[in-house]
Every structure is written in structure tokens, then in C-alpha cells.
Amino acid sequence: MDQPTVGILHPGSMGAAIAACATANAAAVLWCEAGRSAASTARAARFGLTPVATLPELLDRSDIVISLCPPAAAEGLARDVAEHRFAGVYVEANAINPERAQRIAALLEPDATVVDGGIVGSPPVGGKTPTLHLSGGNDAASRIQGLFAGTAVRTAVLGVEVGKASALKLSYASFQKTSRVLVALAVGMAREHGVDQELIEVASRRTDSYLSEPQYVAKTAARAWRWGPELEEAADTLAAAGLPPEMLRAAASTLARWQDAKDDGELTLTDALDRLAQP
């Protein structure tokens, strides 16, 4: 079907913007008004989405349904869809773990074809171009690629296994979002001692992301015996400033798993990761 009818559940800031991109290659993009806020109504209108009164109506009319909701609501929403025996393509695009994605697939199949989705990036507005990673049945994933062809939403198919896209999303989010919290703690600690501007100046000399340097993990493991106690000291400093120390203590606890790698210059990335996985 060249121009499918698409249903979006629900038009939040990400969902509405993703749905708006889908309108380029869809016959219509529907959203369900029942139980939604005035803000959702205004957002959906701004993005040119077509309202329907009930979830059953949306499901009856849609060839493809995209689920984008708060992670806690993902399975409940999937159950509601499963109750209506939706028989199209269901894109589970929420930030949930792979096991939950697989449970949702089990709820909806065999009536529906489930494609696991993971969005990396900001909503596709103002020049932003997020990537929707997909995993699931090849034919269904290809249909989703076609739906967003030529739009601000990039797509990439990772394979046929439901859960791969979710795993990639959470792997990236675990670094990207935690690093932002670490920034808050570092700047907060520095501000308490009047050196926050100096900290920013030091950091500005390096702009690369550690995530792009996984080979450094082995060096981290070899230095863990020193870095762990250092982070405990930093955690004490946070606590003294009235800031939460738990994240740094957790990092120190992680480093403790590498205690036996002290100054091991021959350690490889694989060795370091294997040791990290052993309590």
C-alpha cells in the first residue's frame, strides 16, 4: 500500500512531530481525542493530524500504528490495542527495555506485526533530524522506512529481532542522559567552591565524546583501583555541599569490579567488559 493510514498514540512533543513527518507519505495520520488534554488537541492541530473520537475507530482505520507514550504506559496501551485485535503494523517506539518490547510483541501477535523502534535525537522540528532505528520483520520495517522516506526522520533497520532497537536506544540514553546529570553534579560541586567557570574552561579544551572511544574502557579498568577511591572522595565533597552523592558512589562501586585489573597494561576491551559483568 503506497499511502497507508497511520495512527499515532499519542501526540506528545515527540509523537506529534514524528506523526507530522509521516503525513508526507500517508493518506492520513490519525490521533484519538478521547482522554487527551487541550494541549494535545492544540499540538495535533498544529501538526496537521486528523482527530478521531475513539481508539477503536483509530485502529479500524489505520494500517500502521505508532506508539509513542511515557515508558510506564507502553504495555497498558499495547493491551488496549490487542483487545481490539488490531491487524496492521504496530511500531513500539517507546523508550523501554528489550524484554518489555518482546512482551508487547507477544501481546499483539499474531494479529499484528510488531516492529520495535528506538528514536535517537530530538523531535524533528527546527532542522533536527532524529533517527528511528527499527528491528522486526523485514517487510514491515521496510514499510516504516518508506513511510518516512524524504522526511526529517531518518530510519535504520537493525535486523529481524524485536528488542534490538530498544537495546540501542537505552544503551545510548544511559550514557547521554546520565552524562548530563554528571555535568550538573560536577558544576554544582565546583560552584560550591567558587571554581565553576574555571571548570567550564578546562572542559572546553576537550569536546570529544568518551562514548566514541570505547577502547579507553580497558585503561579505565586498569586505573579503577585509584579512580574508585577518588570518586568516593568526590561523593563526600558533593554530600558536604548538600548535593546528592549517590551517582558517584554507584560509579565507585562499578569501578570496584575491576580491582584485580590494577595497572594491567595488557587488558583488552573484551577482557574489561567480561570482568565488569562478573560480580
C-alpha atoms as a PDB file:
ATOM      1  CA  MET A   1       0.000   0.000   0.000  1.00  0.00           C
ATOM      2  CA  ASP A   2       1.705   3.178  -1.186  1.00  0.00           C
ATOM      3  CA  GLN A   3      -0.089   5.579   1.132  1.00  0.00           C
ATOM      4  CA  PRO A   4      -1.147   3.891   4.356  1.00  0.00           C
ATOM      5  CA  THR A   5      -3.365   5.410   7.006  1.00  0.00           C
ATOM      6  CA  VAL A   6      -1.355   5.901  10.174  1.00  0.00           C
ATOM      7  CA  GLY A   7      -2.483   6.205  13.782  1.00  0.00           C
ATOM      8  CA  ILE A   8      -0.309   7.931  16.386  1.00  0.00           C
ATOM      9  CA  LEU A   9      -0.588   7.027  20.086  1.00  0.00           C
ATOM     10  CA  HIS A  10      -0.193   9.795  21.325  1.00  0.00           C
ATOM     11  CA  PRO A  11       0.700  13.263  20.004  1.00  0.00           C
ATOM     12  CA  GLY A  12       3.129  14.449  22.656  1.00  0.00           C
ATOM     13  CA  SER A  13       6.058  16.665  21.675  1.00  0.00           C
ATOM     14  CA  MET A  14       7.935  13.780  20.046  1.00  0.00           C
ATOM     15  CA  GLY A  15       4.879  11.854  18.839  1.00  0.00           C
ATOM     16  CA  ALA A  16       3.239  14.813  17.133  1.00  0.00           C
ATOM     17  CA  ALA A  17       6.437  15.826  15.340  1.00  0.00           C
ATOM     18  CA  ILE A  18       7.118  12.256  14.189  1.00  0.00           C
ATOM     19  CA  ALA A  19       3.496  11.954  13.021  1.00  0.00           C
ATOM     20  CA  ALA A  20       3.767  15.217  11.116  1.00  0.00           C
ATOM     21  CA  CYS A  21       6.676  13.778   9.137  1.00  0.00           C
ATOM     22  CA  ALA A  22       4.609  10.675   8.362  1.00  0.00           C
ATOM     23  CA  THR A  23       1.934  12.836   6.728  1.00  0.00           C
ATOM     24  CA  ALA A  24       4.268  13.285   3.750  1.00  0.00           C
ATOM     25  CA  ASN A  25       3.791   9.657   2.681  1.00  0.00           C
ATOM     26  CA  ALA A  26       0.481   8.695   4.352  1.00  0.00           C
ATOM     27  CA  ALA A  27      -3.101   9.012   3.210  1.00  0.00           C
ATOM     28  CA  ALA A  28      -3.885  10.399   6.674  1.00  0.00           C
ATOM     29  CA  VAL A  29      -2.384  10.432  10.157  1.00  0.00           C
ATOM     30  CA  LEU A  30      -4.988   9.916  12.866  1.00  0.00           C
ATOM     31  CA  TRP A  31      -4.964  10.572  16.571  1.00  0.00           C
ATOM     32  CA  CYS A  32      -7.530   9.734  19.249  1.00  0.00           C
ATOM     33  CA  GLU A  33      -9.109  12.640  21.113  1.00  0.00           C
ATOM     34  CA  ALA A  34     -10.564  10.548  23.962  1.00  0.00           C
ATOM     35  CA  GLY A  35      -8.970  11.435  27.284  1.00  0.00           C
ATOM     36  CA  ARG A  36      -6.383  13.787  25.802  1.00  0.00           C
ATOM     37  CA  SER A  37      -5.626  17.281  27.061  1.00  0.00           C
ATOM     38  CA  ALA A  38      -6.285  20.625  25.445  1.00  0.00           C
ATOM     39  CA  ALA A  39      -2.530  20.886  24.876  1.00  0.00           C
ATOM     40  CA  SER A  40      -2.594  17.613  22.910  1.00  0.00           C
ATOM     41  CA  THR A  41      -5.501  18.889  20.829  1.00  0.00           C
ATOM     42  CA  ALA A  42      -3.677  22.109  20.004  1.00  0.00           C
ATOM     43  CA  ARG A  43      -0.467  20.261  19.210  1.00  0.00           C
ATOM     44  CA  ALA A  44      -2.203  17.783  16.916  1.00  0.00           C
ATOM     45  CA  ALA A  45      -3.946  20.609  15.068  1.00  0.00           C
ATOM     46  CA  ARG A  46      -0.680  22.487  14.661  1.00  0.00           C
ATOM     47  CA  PHE A  47       0.945  19.440  13.081  1.00  0.00           C
ATOM     48  CA  GLY A  48      -1.969  18.700  10.753  1.00  0.00           C
ATOM     49  CA  LEU A  49      -3.145  15.446  12.332  1.00  0.00           C
ATOM     50  CA  THR A  50      -6.693  14.134  11.845  1.00  0.00           C
ATOM     51  CA  PRO A  51      -8.758  13.618  15.011  1.00  0.00           C
ATOM     52  CA  VAL A  52     -10.952  10.573  15.642  1.00  0.00           C
ATOM     53  CA  ALA A  53     -13.252  10.104  18.613  1.00  0.00           C
ATOM     54  CA  THR A  54     -12.228   6.679  19.929  1.00  0.00           C
ATOM     55  CA  LEU A  55      -9.366   4.199  19.943  1.00  0.00           C
ATOM     56  CA  PRO A  56     -11.414   1.510  18.132  1.00  0.00           C
ATOM     57  CA  GLU A  57     -12.094   3.957  15.301  1.00  0.00           C
ATOM     58  CA  LEU A  58      -8.398   4.781  15.015  1.00  0.00           C
ATOM     59  CA  LEU A  59      -7.467   1.086  14.969  1.00  0.00           C
ATOM     60  CA  ASP A  60     -10.150   0.177  12.432  1.00  0.00           C
ATOM     61  CA  ARG A  61      -8.943   2.848  10.040  1.00  0.00           C
ATOM     62  CA  SER A  62      -5.185   2.504  10.482  1.00  0.00           C
ATOM     63  CA  ASP A  63      -2.777   0.313   8.549  1.00  0.00           C
ATOM     64  CA  ILE A  64       0.125   1.367  10.765  1.00  0.00           C
ATOM     65  CA  VAL A  65       0.001   2.411  14.429  1.00  0.00           C
ATOM     66  CA  ILE A  66       2.936   4.154  16.084  1.00  0.00           C
ATOM     67  CA  SER A  67       3.079   4.042  19.881  1.00  0.00           C
ATOM     68  CA  LEU A  68       4.926   6.981  21.446  1.00  0.00           C
ATOM     69  CA  CYS A  69       3.938   7.494  25.081  1.00  0.00           C
ATOM     70  CA  PRO A  70       5.589   7.668  28.520  1.00  0.00           C
ATOM     71  CA  PRO A  71       7.515   4.380  29.036  1.00  0.00           C
ATOM     72  CA  ALA A  72       5.381   3.331  32.017  1.00  0.00           C
ATOM     73  CA  ALA A  73       2.239   3.367  29.851  1.00  0.00           C
ATOM     74  CA  ALA A  74       3.620   1.339  26.934  1.00  0.00           C
ATOM     75  CA  GLU A  75       2.323  -2.105  27.928  1.00  0.00           C
ATOM     76  CA  GLY A  76      -1.073  -0.856  29.050  1.00  0.00           C
ATOM     77  CA  LEU A  77      -1.523   0.903  25.743  1.00  0.00           C
ATOM     78  CA  ALA A  78      -0.470  -2.234  23.863  1.00  0.00           C
ATOM     79  CA  ARG A  79      -3.038  -4.257  25.815  1.00  0.00           C
ATOM     80  CA  ASP A  80      -5.757  -1.807  24.799  1.00  0.00           C
ATOM     81  CA  VAL A  81      -4.725  -2.220  21.176  1.00  0.00           C
ATOM     82  CA  ALA A  82      -4.544  -6.017  21.493  1.00  0.00           C
ATOM     83  CA  GLU A  83      -8.100  -6.137  22.863  1.00  0.00           C
ATOM     84  CA  HIS A  84      -9.324  -4.701  19.571  1.00  0.00           C
ATOM     85  CA  ARG A  85      -7.398  -7.325  17.527  1.00  0.00           C
ATOM     86  CA  PHE A  86      -5.509  -4.721  15.537  1.00  0.00           C
ATOM     87  CA  ALA A  87      -4.167  -6.477  12.451  1.00  0.00           C
ATOM     88  CA  GLY A  88      -1.776  -3.934  10.937  1.00  0.00           C
ATOM     89  CA  VAL A  89       1.814  -2.917  11.692  1.00  0.00           C
ATOM     90  CA  TYR A  90       2.390  -1.781  15.279  1.00  0.00           C
ATOM     91  CA  VAL A  91       5.535   0.282  15.838  1.00  0.00           C
ATOM     92  CA  GLU A  92       6.545   0.076  19.501  1.00  0.00           C
ATOM     93  CA  ALA A  93       8.698   3.215  19.560  1.00  0.00           C
ATOM     94  CA  ASN A  94       8.835   3.890  23.299  1.00  0.00           C
ATOM     95  CA  ALA A  95      11.974   4.068  25.438  1.00  0.00           C
ATOM     96  CA  ILE A  96      11.514   0.657  27.037  1.00  0.00           C
ATOM     97  CA  ASN A  97      13.857  -2.262  27.662  1.00  0.00           C
ATOM     98  CA  PRO A  98      14.124  -5.127  25.155  1.00  0.00           C
ATOM     99  CA  GLU A  99      12.267  -7.577  27.389  1.00  0.00           C
ATOM    100  CA  ARG A 100       9.260  -5.249  27.579  1.00  0.00           C
ATOM    101  CA  ALA A 101       9.348  -4.790  23.805  1.00  0.00           C
ATOM    102  CA  GLN A 102       9.240  -8.564  23.409  1.00  0.00           C
ATOM    103  CA  ARG A 103       6.329  -8.862  25.861  1.00  0.00           C
ATOM    104  CA  ILE A 104       4.419  -6.271  23.855  1.00  0.00           C
ATOM    105  CA  ALA A 105       5.125  -8.200  20.665  1.00  0.00           C
ATOM    106  CA  ALA A 106       3.740 -11.335  22.328  1.00  0.00           C
ATOM    107  CA  LEU A 107       0.584  -9.417  23.317  1.00  0.00           C
ATOM    108  CA  LEU A 108      -0.135  -8.206  19.789  1.00  0.00           C
ATOM    109  CA  GLU A 109       0.998 -11.085  17.611  1.00  0.00           C
ATOM    110  CA  PRO A 110      -0.130 -12.925  15.565  1.00  0.00           C
ATOM    111  CA  ASP A 111      -2.888 -10.423  14.770  1.00  0.00           C
ATOM    112  CA  ALA A 112      -0.487  -7.519  14.339  1.00  0.00           C
ATOM    113  CA  THR A 113       3.067  -7.346  13.017  1.00  0.00           C
ATOM    114  CA  VAL A 114       5.247  -5.664  15.632  1.00  0.00           C
ATOM    115  CA  VAL A 115       8.238  -3.522  14.740  1.00  0.00           C
ATOM    116  CA  ASP A 116      10.497  -2.464  17.592  1.00  0.00           C
ATOM    117  CA  GLY A 117      11.539   1.177  17.309  1.00  0.00           C
ATOM    118  CA  GLY A 118      14.055   3.356  19.109  1.00  0.00           C
ATOM    119  CA  ILE A 119      14.356   7.081  18.463  1.00  0.00           C
ATOM    120  CA  VAL A 120      17.727   8.730  18.974  1.00  0.00           C
ATOM    121  CA  GLY A 121      17.681  12.506  18.777  1.00  0.00           C
ATOM    122  CA  SER A 122      15.344  15.434  19.341  1.00  0.00           C
ATOM    123  CA  PRO A 123      11.866  15.859  17.807  1.00  0.00           C
ATOM    124  CA  PRO A 124      12.111  16.571  14.058  1.00  0.00           C
ATOM    125  CA  VAL A 125      11.388  20.284  14.162  1.00  0.00           C
ATOM    126  CA  GLY A 126      13.587  23.322  13.525  1.00  0.00           C
ATOM    127  CA  GLY A 127      16.061  21.394  11.407  1.00  0.00           C
ATOM    128  CA  LYS A 128      16.501  18.465  13.831  1.00  0.00           C
ATOM    129  CA  THR A 129      16.830  15.030  12.193  1.00  0.00           C
ATOM    130  CA  PRO A 130      16.379  12.153  14.663  1.00  0.00           C
ATOM    131  CA  THR A 131      16.967   8.546  13.658  1.00  0.00           C
ATOM    132  CA  LEU A 132      14.273   5.923  14.115  1.00  0.00           C
ATOM    133  CA  HIS A 133      16.043   2.587  14.497  1.00  0.00           C
ATOM    134  CA  LEU A 134      13.876  -0.404  13.618  1.00  0.00           C
ATOM    135  CA  SER A 135      14.001  -4.129  14.278  1.00  0.00           C
ATOM    136  CA  GLY A 136      11.409  -6.736  13.432  1.00  0.00           C
ATOM    137  CA  GLY A 137      10.000  -8.320  10.316  1.00  0.00           C
ATOM    138  CA  ASN A 138      11.930  -7.115   7.290  1.00  0.00           C
ATOM    139  CA  ASP A 139       8.870  -6.320   5.200  1.00  0.00           C
ATOM    140  CA  ALA A 140       7.184  -4.354   7.981  1.00  0.00           C
ATOM    141  CA  ALA A 141      10.371  -2.445   8.823  1.00  0.00           C
ATOM    142  CA  SER A 142      10.729  -1.581   5.146  1.00  0.00           C
ATOM    143  CA  ARG A 143       7.207  -0.169   5.139  1.00  0.00           C
ATOM    144  CA  ILE A 144       8.150   2.120   8.019  1.00  0.00           C
ATOM    145  CA  GLN A 145      11.239   3.216   6.154  1.00  0.00           C
ATOM    146  CA  GLY A 146       9.033   4.084   3.196  1.00  0.00           C
ATOM    147  CA  LEU A 147       6.663   5.996   5.454  1.00  0.00           C
ATOM    148  CA  PHE A 148       9.464   8.371   6.480  1.00  0.00           C
ATOM    149  CA  ALA A 149      11.355   8.493   3.193  1.00  0.00           C
ATOM    150  CA  GLY A 150      12.334  12.026   2.270  1.00  0.00           C
ATOM    151  CA  THR A 151      11.407  13.448   5.681  1.00  0.00           C
ATOM    152  CA  ALA A 152      13.377  14.758   8.655  1.00  0.00           C
ATOM    153  CA  VAL A 153      13.104  11.341  10.316  1.00  0.00           C
ATOM    154  CA  ARG A 154      15.973   9.102   9.310  1.00  0.00           C
ATOM    155  CA  THR A 155      15.489   5.347   9.591  1.00  0.00           C
ATOM    156  CA  ALA A 156      17.855   2.411  10.034  1.00  0.00           C
ATOM    157  CA  VAL A 157      16.946  -1.285  10.164  1.00  0.00           C
ATOM    158  CA  LEU A 158      18.980  -3.298  12.689  1.00  0.00           C
ATOM    159  CA  GLY A 159      17.632  -6.782  11.956  1.00  0.00           C
ATOM    160  CA  VAL A 160      14.591  -9.004  12.448  1.00  0.00           C
ATOM    161  CA  GLU A 161      14.778  -9.469  16.223  1.00  0.00           C
ATOM    162  CA  VAL A 162      12.339  -7.418  18.301  1.00  0.00           C
ATOM    163  CA  GLY A 163      14.323  -5.751  21.099  1.00  0.00           C
ATOM    164  CA  LYS A 164      17.430  -4.710  19.173  1.00  0.00           C
ATOM    165  CA  ALA A 165      16.156  -1.181  18.515  1.00  0.00           C
ATOM    166  CA  SER A 166      15.124  -0.766  22.145  1.00  0.00           C
ATOM    167  CA  ALA A 167      18.525  -2.004  23.305  1.00  0.00           C
ATOM    168  CA  LEU A 168      20.319   0.531  21.124  1.00  0.00           C
ATOM    169  CA  LYS A 169      18.064   3.349  22.323  1.00  0.00           C
ATOM    170  CA  LEU A 170      18.638   2.572  26.006  1.00  0.00           C
ATOM    171  CA  SER A 171      22.354   1.948  25.539  1.00  0.00           C
ATOM    172  CA  TYR A 172      22.746   5.417  24.087  1.00  0.00           C
ATOM    173  CA  ALA A 173      20.336   7.031  26.547  1.00  0.00           C
ATOM    174  CA  SER A 174      22.156   5.518  29.525  1.00  0.00           C
ATOM    175  CA  PHE A 175      25.262   7.449  28.523  1.00  0.00           C
ATOM    176  CA  GLN A 176      23.723  10.588  27.100  1.00  0.00           C
ATOM    177  CA  LYS A 177      21.286  11.261  29.916  1.00  0.00           C
ATOM    178  CA  THR A 178      23.495  10.154  32.797  1.00  0.00           C
ATOM    179  CA  SER A 179      26.303  12.326  31.444  1.00  0.00           C
ATOM    180  CA  ARG A 180      24.006  15.350  31.697  1.00  0.00           C
ATOM    181  CA  VAL A 181      23.365  14.538  35.355  1.00  0.00           C
ATOM    182  CA  LEU A 182      27.095  14.195  35.922  1.00  0.00           C
ATOM    183  CA  VAL A 183      27.561  17.648  34.409  1.00  0.00           C
ATOM    184  CA  ALA A 184      25.099  19.050  36.950  1.00  0.00           C
ATOM    185  CA  LEU A 185      26.964  17.384  39.811  1.00  0.00           C
ATOM    186  CA  ALA A 186      30.388  18.495  38.585  1.00  0.00           C
ATOM    187  CA  VAL A 187      29.335  22.113  38.051  1.00  0.00           C
ATOM    188  CA  GLY A 188      27.433  22.119  41.332  1.00  0.00           C
ATOM    189  CA  MET A 189      30.485  20.898  43.217  1.00  0.00           C
ATOM    190  CA  ALA A 190      32.718  23.450  41.511  1.00  0.00           C
ATOM    191  CA  ARG A 191      30.272  26.300  42.173  1.00  0.00           C
ATOM    192  CA  GLU A 192      30.238  25.466  45.873  1.00  0.00           C
ATOM    193  CA  HIS A 193      33.958  26.209  45.901  1.00  0.00           C
ATOM    194  CA  GLY A 194      33.889  29.139  43.503  1.00  0.00           C
ATOM    195  CA  VAL A 195      35.652  27.414  40.606  1.00  0.00           C
ATOM    196  CA  ASP A 196      32.717  26.680  38.275  1.00  0.00           C
ATOM    197  CA  GLN A 197      33.898  28.995  35.495  1.00  0.00           C
ATOM    198  CA  GLU A 198      37.374  27.512  35.696  1.00  0.00           C
ATOM    199  CA  LEU A 199      35.858  24.021  35.412  1.00  0.00           C
ATOM    200  CA  ILE A 200      33.980  25.011  32.264  1.00  0.00           C
ATOM    201  CA  GLU A 201      37.168  26.470  30.796  1.00  0.00           C
ATOM    202  CA  VAL A 202      39.088  23.243  31.481  1.00  0.00           C
ATOM    203  CA  ALA A 203      36.321  21.145  29.942  1.00  0.00           C
ATOM    204  CA  SER A 204      36.064  23.359  26.873  1.00  0.00           C
ATOM    205  CA  ARG A 205      39.524  22.247  25.805  1.00  0.00           C
ATOM    206  CA  ARG A 206      38.122  18.792  25.052  1.00  0.00           C
ATOM    207  CA  THR A 207      34.937  18.405  23.031  1.00  0.00           C
ATOM    208  CA  ASP A 208      35.079  14.716  22.044  1.00  0.00           C
ATOM    209  CA  SER A 209      32.615  12.225  23.494  1.00  0.00           C
ATOM    210  CA  TYR A 210      34.024   9.418  25.605  1.00  0.00           C
ATOM    211  CA  LEU A 211      31.318   7.217  24.132  1.00  0.00           C
ATOM    212  CA  SER A 212      33.153   7.327  20.805  1.00  0.00           C
ATOM    213  CA  GLU A 213      36.310   5.984  22.492  1.00  0.00           C
ATOM    214  CA  PRO A 214      35.340   2.539  23.862  1.00  0.00           C
ATOM    215  CA  GLN A 215      38.976   1.435  23.724  1.00  0.00           C
ATOM    216  CA  TYR A 216      39.525   3.680  26.747  1.00  0.00           C
ATOM    217  CA  VAL A 217      37.428   1.295  28.857  1.00  0.00           C
ATOM    218  CA  ALA A 218      40.430  -1.016  29.297  1.00  0.00           C
ATOM    219  CA  LYS A 219      42.519   1.900  30.573  1.00  0.00           C
ATOM    220  CA  THR A 220      39.705   2.811  32.931  1.00  0.00           C
ATOM    221  CA  ALA A 221      39.666  -0.743  34.291  1.00  0.00           C
ATOM    222  CA  ALA A 222      43.420  -0.671  34.875  1.00  0.00           C
ATOM    223  CA  ARG A 223      43.060   2.564  36.813  1.00  0.00           C
ATOM    224  CA  ALA A 224      39.929   1.608  38.722  1.00  0.00           C
ATOM    225  CA  TRP A 225      41.854   0.906  41.914  1.00  0.00           C
ATOM    226  CA  ARG A 226      42.742   4.620  42.028  1.00  0.00           C
ATOM    227  CA  TRP A 227      39.649   6.103  40.427  1.00  0.00           C
ATOM    228  CA  GLY A 228      37.172   4.389  42.757  1.00  0.00           C
ATOM    229  CA  PRO A 229      38.540   5.971  45.939  1.00  0.00           C
ATOM    230  CA  GLU A 230      38.828   9.293  44.103  1.00  0.00           C
ATOM    231  CA  LEU A 231      35.119   9.179  43.268  1.00  0.00           C
ATOM    232  CA  GLU A 232      34.323   8.328  46.888  1.00  0.00           C
ATOM    233  CA  GLU A 233      36.183  11.499  47.865  1.00  0.00           C
ATOM    234  CA  ALA A 234      34.208  13.426  45.249  1.00  0.00           C
ATOM    235  CA  ALA A 235      30.977  11.927  46.598  1.00  0.00           C
ATOM    236  CA  ASP A 236      31.906  13.135  50.087  1.00  0.00           C
ATOM    237  CA  THR A 237      32.503  16.596  48.626  1.00  0.00           C
ATOM    238  CA  LEU A 238      29.062  16.564  46.981  1.00  0.00           C
ATOM    239  CA  ALA A 239      27.424  15.498  50.217  1.00  0.00           C
ATOM    240  CA  ALA A 240      29.169  18.310  52.093  1.00  0.00           C
ATOM    241  CA  ALA A 241      27.759  20.779  49.554  1.00  0.00           C
ATOM    242  CA  GLY A 242      24.228  19.431  50.039  1.00  0.00           C
ATOM    243  CA  LEU A 243      24.279  17.752  46.603  1.00  0.00           C
ATOM    244  CA  PRO A 244      23.282  14.088  46.010  1.00  0.00           C
ATOM    245  CA  PRO A 245      26.342  11.799  46.171  1.00  0.00           C
ATOM    246  CA  GLU A 246      24.671   8.522  45.177  1.00  0.00           C
ATOM    247  CA  MET A 247      25.614   8.586  41.489  1.00  0.00           C
ATOM    248  CA  LEU A 248      29.320   8.918  42.189  1.00  0.00           C
ATOM    249  CA  ARG A 249      29.159   6.241  44.867  1.00  0.00           C
ATOM    250  CA  ALA A 250      27.476   3.956  42.339  1.00  0.00           C
ATOM    251  CA  ALA A 251      30.260   4.708  39.846  1.00  0.00           C
ATOM    252  CA  ALA A 252      32.837   3.879  42.518  1.00  0.00           C
ATOM    253  CA  SER A 253      31.033   0.615  43.191  1.00  0.00           C
ATOM    254  CA  THR A 254      31.203  -0.201  39.479  1.00  0.00           C
ATOM    255  CA  LEU A 255      34.919   0.526  39.391  1.00  0.00           C
ATOM    256  CA  ALA A 256      35.395  -1.856  42.308  1.00  0.00           C
ATOM    257  CA  ARG A 257      34.603  -4.732  39.930  1.00  0.00           C
ATOM    258  CA  TRP A 258      37.956  -4.024  38.255  1.00  0.00           C
ATOM    259  CA  GLN A 259      40.060  -4.114  41.409  1.00  0.00           C
ATOM    260  CA  ASP A 260      42.042  -7.104  40.172  1.00  0.00           C
ATOM    261  CA  ALA A 261      42.981  -5.295  36.953  1.00  0.00           C
ATOM    262  CA  LYS A 262      45.352  -2.926  38.756  1.00  0.00           C
ATOM    263  CA  ASP A 263      47.711  -1.273  36.257  1.00  0.00           C
ATOM    264  CA  ASP A 264      47.217  -4.129  33.777  1.00  0.00           C
ATOM    265  CA  GLY A 265      48.599  -2.633  30.596  1.00  0.00           C
ATOM    266  CA  GLU A 266      47.713  -5.753  28.568  1.00  0.00           C
ATOM    267  CA  LEU A 267      43.988  -5.626  29.316  1.00  0.00           C
ATOM    268  CA  THR A 268      41.748  -5.534  26.235  1.00  0.00           C
ATOM    269  CA  LEU A 269      38.293  -4.028  25.854  1.00  0.00           C
ATOM    270  CA  THR A 270      36.800  -7.532  25.756  1.00  0.00           C
ATOM    271  CA  ASP A 271      38.631  -8.519  28.944  1.00  0.00           C
ATOM    272  CA  ALA A 272      37.490  -5.366  30.729  1.00  0.00           C
ATOM    273  CA  LEU A 273      33.848  -5.836  29.750  1.00  0.00           C
ATOM    274  CA  ASP A 274      33.935  -9.510  30.716  1.00  0.00           C
ATOM    275  CA  ARG A 275      35.262  -8.619  34.176  1.00  0.00           C
ATOM    276  CA  LEU A 276      32.657  -5.882  34.557  1.00  0.00           C
ATOM    277  CA  ALA A 277      29.912  -8.469  34.003  1.00  0.00           C
ATOM    278  CA  GLN A 278      31.198 -10.656  36.856  1.00  0.00           C
ATOM    279  CA  PRO A 279      30.119  -9.556  40.362  1.00  0.00           C
END
